[in-house]
Amino acid sequence: MVHGGLARRVMCLAKDITAGYSALGAVLATDRIYQAFGTSSTVFAHVSNTDGHPVACAAALATIRAYASEDLVAHGRVLGELLRDRLNGLLKGVPRSGVCGPSARTWRSTS
């Protein structure tokens, strides 16, 4: 799971996994993180009253298929770059003390 030059070890998902149509969440983790939970008495789960509901799971499967078949992640990346470029254009000439990049680790001074 690499995005913005950072490797994520754990990622929590919610509304986007069902396109907001139903309550469902998920946790993605690297094998190393997952195995740490599998070898102890700790359970790698989050429980709520909507976990595993068939309608929520069907919505999630349809959403994931749409993300893949319509290449929506790449489209989102293009739109994100467009938004960044337009916002940067609006900020030209506006005094500021720094710029925050795709992550807090990429902060750089503008002066």
N, C-alpha and C. Protein backbone atom coordinates (compact mmCIF):
# COMPACT_ATOMS: atom_id res chain seq x y z
N MET A 1 0.84 -1.17 0.00
CA MET A 1 0.00 0.00 0.00
C MET A 1 0.89 1.24 0.00
N VAL A 2 1.24 1.72 -1.15
CA VAL A 2 2.10 2.88 -1.27
C VAL A 2 1.31 4.01 -1.93
N HIS A 3 1.34 5.18 -1.31
CA HIS A 3 0.65 6.35 -1.86
C HIS A 3 1.38 7.58 -1.37
N GLY A 4 1.64 8.49 -2.26
CA GLY A 4 2.33 9.71 -1.87
C GLY A 4 3.75 9.45 -1.39
N GLY A 5 4.35 8.36 -1.86
CA GLY A 5 5.71 8.03 -1.48
C GLY A 5 5.83 7.38 -0.12
N LEU A 6 4.71 7.11 0.54
CA LEU A 6 4.73 6.47 1.86
C LEU A 6 4.13 5.08 1.77
N ALA A 7 4.75 4.14 2.47
CA ALA A 7 4.23 2.79 2.54
C ALA A 7 3.35 2.69 3.79
N ARG A 8 2.08 2.39 3.58
CA ARG A 8 1.17 2.23 4.71
C ARG A 8 1.23 0.80 5.20
N ARG A 9 1.19 0.65 6.51
CA ARG A 9 1.16 -0.69 7.09
C ARG A 9 -0.25 -1.08 7.51
N VAL A 10 -1.06 -0.07 7.86
CA VAL A 10 -2.45 -0.29 8.24
C VAL A 10 -3.28 0.82 7.61
N MET A 11 -4.41 0.45 7.03
CA MET A 11 -5.31 1.44 6.44
C MET A 11 -6.75 1.09 6.83
N CYS A 12 -7.47 2.07 7.33
CA CYS A 12 -8.87 1.89 7.70
C CYS A 12 -9.76 2.49 6.63
N LEU A 13 -10.78 1.76 6.24
CA LEU A 13 -11.71 2.19 5.20
C LEU A 13 -13.12 2.20 5.77
N ALA A 14 -13.96 3.06 5.24
CA ALA A 14 -15.35 3.08 5.70
C ALA A 14 -16.28 3.39 4.54
N LYS A 15 -16.84 4.58 4.50
CA LYS A 15 -17.91 4.90 3.55
C LYS A 15 -17.57 4.58 2.10
N ASP A 16 -16.34 4.83 1.67
CA ASP A 16 -16.01 4.61 0.26
C ASP A 16 -16.09 3.15 -0.17
N ILE A 17 -16.01 2.25 0.77
CA ILE A 17 -16.02 0.84 0.38
C ILE A 17 -17.40 0.41 -0.13
N THR A 18 -18.45 1.14 0.25
CA THR A 18 -19.80 0.86 -0.28
C THR A 18 -20.34 2.05 -1.06
N ALA A 19 -19.48 2.98 -1.42
CA ALA A 19 -19.88 4.21 -2.10
C ALA A 19 -20.89 5.00 -1.27
N GLY A 20 -20.87 4.80 0.04
CA GLY A 20 -21.74 5.53 0.95
C GLY A 20 -23.16 5.00 1.02
N TYR A 21 -23.45 3.87 0.37
CA TYR A 21 -24.82 3.35 0.35
C TYR A 21 -25.17 2.55 1.59
N SER A 22 -24.19 2.04 2.29
CA SER A 22 -24.46 1.21 3.44
C SER A 22 -23.30 1.31 4.42
N ALA A 23 -23.58 1.10 5.68
CA ALA A 23 -22.54 1.17 6.71
C ALA A 23 -21.67 -0.09 6.68
N LEU A 24 -20.40 0.10 6.39
CA LEU A 24 -19.45 -1.01 6.40
C LEU A 24 -18.06 -0.43 6.48
N GLY A 25 -17.21 -1.08 7.21
CA GLY A 25 -15.82 -0.65 7.32
C GLY A 25 -14.90 -1.84 7.14
N ALA A 26 -13.63 -1.54 6.93
CA ALA A 26 -12.64 -2.59 6.75
C ALA A 26 -11.29 -2.06 7.21
N VAL A 27 -10.42 -2.98 7.57
CA VAL A 27 -9.05 -2.65 7.92
C VAL A 27 -8.14 -3.47 7.02
N LEU A 28 -7.24 -2.78 6.31
CA LEU A 28 -6.24 -3.45 5.50
C LEU A 28 -4.92 -3.38 6.24
N ALA A 29 -4.17 -4.46 6.21
CA ALA A 29 -2.88 -4.48 6.90
C ALA A 29 -1.91 -5.35 6.13
N THR A 30 -0.63 -5.07 6.32
CA THR A 30 0.39 -5.91 5.69
C THR A 30 0.35 -7.29 6.34
N ASP A 31 0.91 -8.28 5.67
CA ASP A 31 0.95 -9.63 6.23
C ASP A 31 1.65 -9.65 7.58
N ARG A 32 2.71 -8.88 7.71
CA ARG A 32 3.47 -8.85 8.97
C ARG A 32 2.59 -8.37 10.13
N ILE A 33 1.83 -7.33 9.91
CA ILE A 33 0.93 -6.82 10.96
C ILE A 33 -0.16 -7.85 11.25
N TYR A 34 -0.76 -8.39 10.21
CA TYR A 34 -1.83 -9.37 10.39
C TYR A 34 -1.34 -10.60 11.16
N GLN A 35 -0.16 -11.09 10.82
CA GLN A 35 0.38 -12.27 11.50
C GLN A 35 0.63 -12.01 12.98
N ALA A 36 0.97 -10.78 13.33
CA ALA A 36 1.19 -10.46 14.74
C ALA A 36 -0.09 -10.67 15.55
N PHE A 37 -1.24 -10.41 14.94
CA PHE A 37 -2.50 -10.63 15.62
C PHE A 37 -2.88 -12.10 15.61
N GLY A 38 -2.49 -12.82 14.58
CA GLY A 38 -2.85 -14.22 14.47
C GLY A 38 -2.08 -15.14 15.40
N THR A 39 -0.98 -14.66 15.95
CA THR A 39 -0.16 -15.53 16.81
C THR A 39 -0.30 -15.18 18.29
N SER A 40 -1.26 -14.34 18.62
CA SER A 40 -1.46 -13.98 20.01
C SER A 40 -2.92 -14.20 20.38
N SER A 41 -3.27 -13.83 21.58
CA SER A 41 -4.66 -13.97 22.01
C SER A 41 -5.52 -12.81 21.52
N THR A 42 -4.91 -11.85 20.83
CA THR A 42 -5.63 -10.69 20.31
C THR A 42 -6.35 -11.06 19.02
N VAL A 43 -7.56 -10.62 18.87
CA VAL A 43 -8.33 -10.89 17.65
C VAL A 43 -8.26 -9.66 16.76
N PHE A 44 -8.01 -9.87 15.48
CA PHE A 44 -7.92 -8.78 14.51
C PHE A 44 -9.32 -8.55 13.94
N ALA A 45 -10.14 -7.84 14.71
CA ALA A 45 -11.51 -7.61 14.27
C ALA A 45 -12.06 -6.36 14.95
N HIS A 46 -13.05 -5.80 14.32
CA HIS A 46 -13.82 -4.71 14.91
C HIS A 46 -15.27 -5.13 14.78
N VAL A 47 -16.00 -5.03 15.84
CA VAL A 47 -17.36 -5.53 15.83
C VAL A 47 -18.34 -4.37 16.02
N SER A 48 -19.35 -4.35 15.20
CA SER A 48 -20.45 -3.40 15.38
C SER A 48 -21.73 -4.07 14.92
N ASN A 49 -22.83 -3.37 15.06
CA ASN A 49 -24.10 -3.99 14.69
C ASN A 49 -24.31 -4.11 13.18
N THR A 50 -23.40 -3.56 12.37
CA THR A 50 -23.56 -3.67 10.92
C THR A 50 -22.51 -4.57 10.29
N ASP A 51 -21.65 -5.19 11.07
CA ASP A 51 -20.59 -6.02 10.51
C ASP A 51 -21.15 -7.20 9.72
N GLY A 52 -20.68 -7.34 8.51
CA GLY A 52 -21.01 -8.49 7.70
C GLY A 52 -22.43 -8.53 7.18
N HIS A 53 -23.16 -7.44 7.25
CA HIS A 53 -24.54 -7.44 6.75
C HIS A 53 -24.52 -7.74 5.25
N PRO A 54 -25.35 -8.65 4.80
CA PRO A 54 -25.32 -9.07 3.39
C PRO A 54 -25.49 -7.92 2.40
N VAL A 55 -26.36 -6.97 2.69
CA VAL A 55 -26.56 -5.84 1.77
C VAL A 55 -25.31 -4.98 1.73
N ALA A 56 -24.70 -4.72 2.90
CA ALA A 56 -23.47 -3.92 2.94
C ALA A 56 -22.36 -4.62 2.18
N CYS A 57 -22.24 -5.93 2.35
CA CYS A 57 -21.19 -6.68 1.65
C CYS A 57 -21.44 -6.69 0.14
N ALA A 58 -22.69 -6.81 -0.29
CA ALA A 58 -23.00 -6.77 -1.72
C ALA A 58 -22.67 -5.39 -2.29
N ALA A 59 -22.99 -4.34 -1.54
CA ALA A 59 -22.66 -2.99 -1.98
C ALA A 59 -21.15 -2.81 -2.09
N ALA A 60 -20.42 -3.35 -1.13
CA ALA A 60 -18.95 -3.24 -1.16
C ALA A 60 -18.38 -3.97 -2.37
N LEU A 61 -18.86 -5.17 -2.65
CA LEU A 61 -18.37 -5.92 -3.81
C LEU A 61 -18.66 -5.18 -5.11
N ALA A 62 -19.85 -4.61 -5.23
CA ALA A 62 -20.19 -3.85 -6.45
C ALA A 62 -19.31 -2.61 -6.57
N THR A 63 -19.06 -1.95 -5.46
CA THR A 63 -18.22 -0.74 -5.48
C THR A 63 -16.79 -1.08 -5.87
N ILE A 64 -16.24 -2.13 -5.29
CA ILE A 64 -14.87 -2.54 -5.60
C ILE A 64 -14.75 -2.93 -7.08
N ARG A 65 -15.76 -3.62 -7.59
CA ARG A 65 -15.76 -3.97 -9.03
C ARG A 65 -15.78 -2.71 -9.89
N ALA A 66 -16.58 -1.72 -9.49
CA ALA A 66 -16.65 -0.47 -10.26
C ALA A 66 -15.32 0.27 -10.20
N TYR A 67 -14.69 0.32 -9.02
CA TYR A 67 -13.36 0.96 -8.91
C TYR A 67 -12.40 0.33 -9.90
N ALA A 68 -12.42 -0.99 -9.99
CA ALA A 68 -11.48 -1.69 -10.88
C ALA A 68 -11.87 -1.54 -12.35
N SER A 69 -13.13 -1.81 -12.69
CA SER A 69 -13.52 -1.82 -14.11
C SER A 69 -13.51 -0.43 -14.73
N GLU A 70 -13.76 0.61 -13.93
CA GLU A 70 -13.78 1.97 -14.46
C GLU A 70 -12.50 2.74 -14.16
N ASP A 71 -11.51 2.04 -13.59
CA ASP A 71 -10.20 2.62 -13.28
C ASP A 71 -10.35 3.92 -12.48
N LEU A 72 -11.20 3.88 -11.46
CA LEU A 72 -11.53 5.08 -10.70
C LEU A 72 -10.38 5.58 -9.83
N VAL A 73 -9.49 4.70 -9.41
CA VAL A 73 -8.34 5.15 -8.61
C VAL A 73 -7.44 6.05 -9.46
N ALA A 74 -7.15 5.63 -10.69
CA ALA A 74 -6.33 6.46 -11.58
C ALA A 74 -7.04 7.77 -11.90
N HIS A 75 -8.34 7.71 -12.11
CA HIS A 75 -9.11 8.92 -12.39
C HIS A 75 -9.05 9.87 -11.19
N GLY A 76 -9.17 9.33 -9.98
CA GLY A 76 -9.06 10.15 -8.78
C GLY A 76 -7.69 10.79 -8.65
N ARG A 77 -6.66 10.05 -9.05
CA ARG A 77 -5.30 10.60 -9.01
C ARG A 77 -5.18 11.79 -9.95
N VAL A 78 -5.74 11.66 -11.16
CA VAL A 78 -5.71 12.75 -12.15
C VAL A 78 -6.47 13.96 -11.61
N LEU A 79 -7.66 13.73 -11.05
CA LEU A 79 -8.44 14.85 -10.50
C LEU A 79 -7.73 15.49 -9.32
N GLY A 80 -7.07 14.68 -8.49
CA GLY A 80 -6.31 15.23 -7.37
C GLY A 80 -5.18 16.12 -7.82
N GLU A 81 -4.48 15.72 -8.88
CA GLU A 81 -3.40 16.54 -9.42
C GLU A 81 -3.96 17.84 -10.01
N LEU A 82 -5.10 17.74 -10.68
CA LEU A 82 -5.75 18.93 -11.23
C LEU A 82 -6.15 19.90 -10.11
N LEU A 83 -6.74 19.38 -9.06
CA LEU A 83 -7.13 20.21 -7.92
C LEU A 83 -5.91 20.87 -7.29
N ARG A 84 -4.84 20.09 -7.08
CA ARG A 84 -3.62 20.64 -6.50
C ARG A 84 -3.06 21.77 -7.36
N ASP A 85 -3.01 21.55 -8.67
CA ASP A 85 -2.48 22.57 -9.58
C ASP A 85 -3.33 23.84 -9.56
N ARG A 86 -4.64 23.68 -9.56
CA ARG A 86 -5.52 24.85 -9.54
C ARG A 86 -5.43 25.60 -8.21
N LEU A 87 -5.35 24.86 -7.11
CA LEU A 87 -5.20 25.53 -5.80
C LEU A 87 -3.87 26.25 -5.72
N ASN A 88 -2.82 25.62 -6.21
CA ASN A 88 -1.51 26.29 -6.23
C ASN A 88 -1.56 27.56 -7.08
N GLY A 89 -2.30 27.53 -8.19
CA GLY A 89 -2.46 28.71 -9.02
C GLY A 89 -3.18 29.83 -8.28
N LEU A 90 -4.19 29.46 -7.51
CA LEU A 90 -4.91 30.46 -6.73
C LEU A 90 -4.04 31.06 -5.62
N LEU A 91 -3.08 30.29 -5.14
CA LEU A 91 -2.24 30.75 -4.03
C LEU A 91 -1.02 31.54 -4.47
N LYS A 92 -0.79 31.63 -5.77
CA LYS A 92 0.37 32.39 -6.24
C LYS A 92 0.25 33.83 -5.75
N GLY A 93 1.33 34.31 -5.17
CA GLY A 93 1.36 35.68 -4.67
C GLY A 93 0.78 35.84 -3.28
N VAL A 94 0.20 34.79 -2.72
CA VAL A 94 -0.33 34.85 -1.36
C VAL A 94 0.80 34.49 -0.40
N PRO A 95 1.17 35.39 0.51
CA PRO A 95 2.27 35.09 1.42
C PRO A 95 1.91 33.94 2.37
N ARG A 96 2.84 33.02 2.54
CA ARG A 96 2.65 31.89 3.46
C ARG A 96 3.99 31.46 4.00
N SER A 97 3.95 30.77 5.10
CA SER A 97 5.20 30.39 5.76
C SER A 97 5.65 28.99 5.36
N GLY A 98 4.82 28.21 4.74
CA GLY A 98 5.22 26.86 4.35
C GLY A 98 4.16 26.19 3.50
N VAL A 99 4.50 25.08 2.93
CA VAL A 99 3.58 24.31 2.10
C VAL A 99 3.60 22.88 2.60
N CYS A 100 2.44 22.33 2.79
CA CYS A 100 2.34 20.93 3.22
C CYS A 100 2.07 20.09 1.98
N GLY A 101 2.93 19.12 1.74
CA GLY A 101 2.78 18.25 0.57
C GLY A 101 1.80 17.13 0.84
N PRO A 102 1.93 16.00 0.11
CA PRO A 102 0.97 14.90 0.25
C PRO A 102 0.98 14.28 1.63
N SER A 103 1.99 14.54 2.43
CA SER A 103 2.01 14.03 3.80
C SER A 103 2.71 15.04 4.68
N ALA A 104 2.51 14.91 5.96
CA ALA A 104 3.15 15.85 6.90
C ALA A 104 4.66 15.77 6.82
N ARG A 105 5.19 14.65 6.34
CA ARG A 105 6.65 14.48 6.25
C ARG A 105 7.26 15.25 5.09
N THR A 106 6.44 15.87 4.23
CA THR A 106 6.99 16.58 3.09
C THR A 106 6.85 18.10 3.24
N TRP A 107 6.71 18.57 4.46
CA TRP A 107 6.60 20.01 4.70
C TRP A 107 7.87 20.70 4.25
N ARG A 108 7.73 21.79 3.54
CA ARG A 108 8.91 22.55 3.15
C ARG A 108 8.57 24.03 3.23
N SER A 109 9.58 24.83 3.52
CA SER A 109 9.40 26.26 3.63
C SER A 109 9.33 26.88 2.25
N THR A 110 8.53 27.94 2.10
CA THR A 110 8.44 28.63 0.82
C THR A 110 9.37 29.84 0.77
N SER A 111 10.02 30.13 1.88
CA SER A 111 10.91 31.31 1.88
C SER A 111 12.34 30.92 1.63
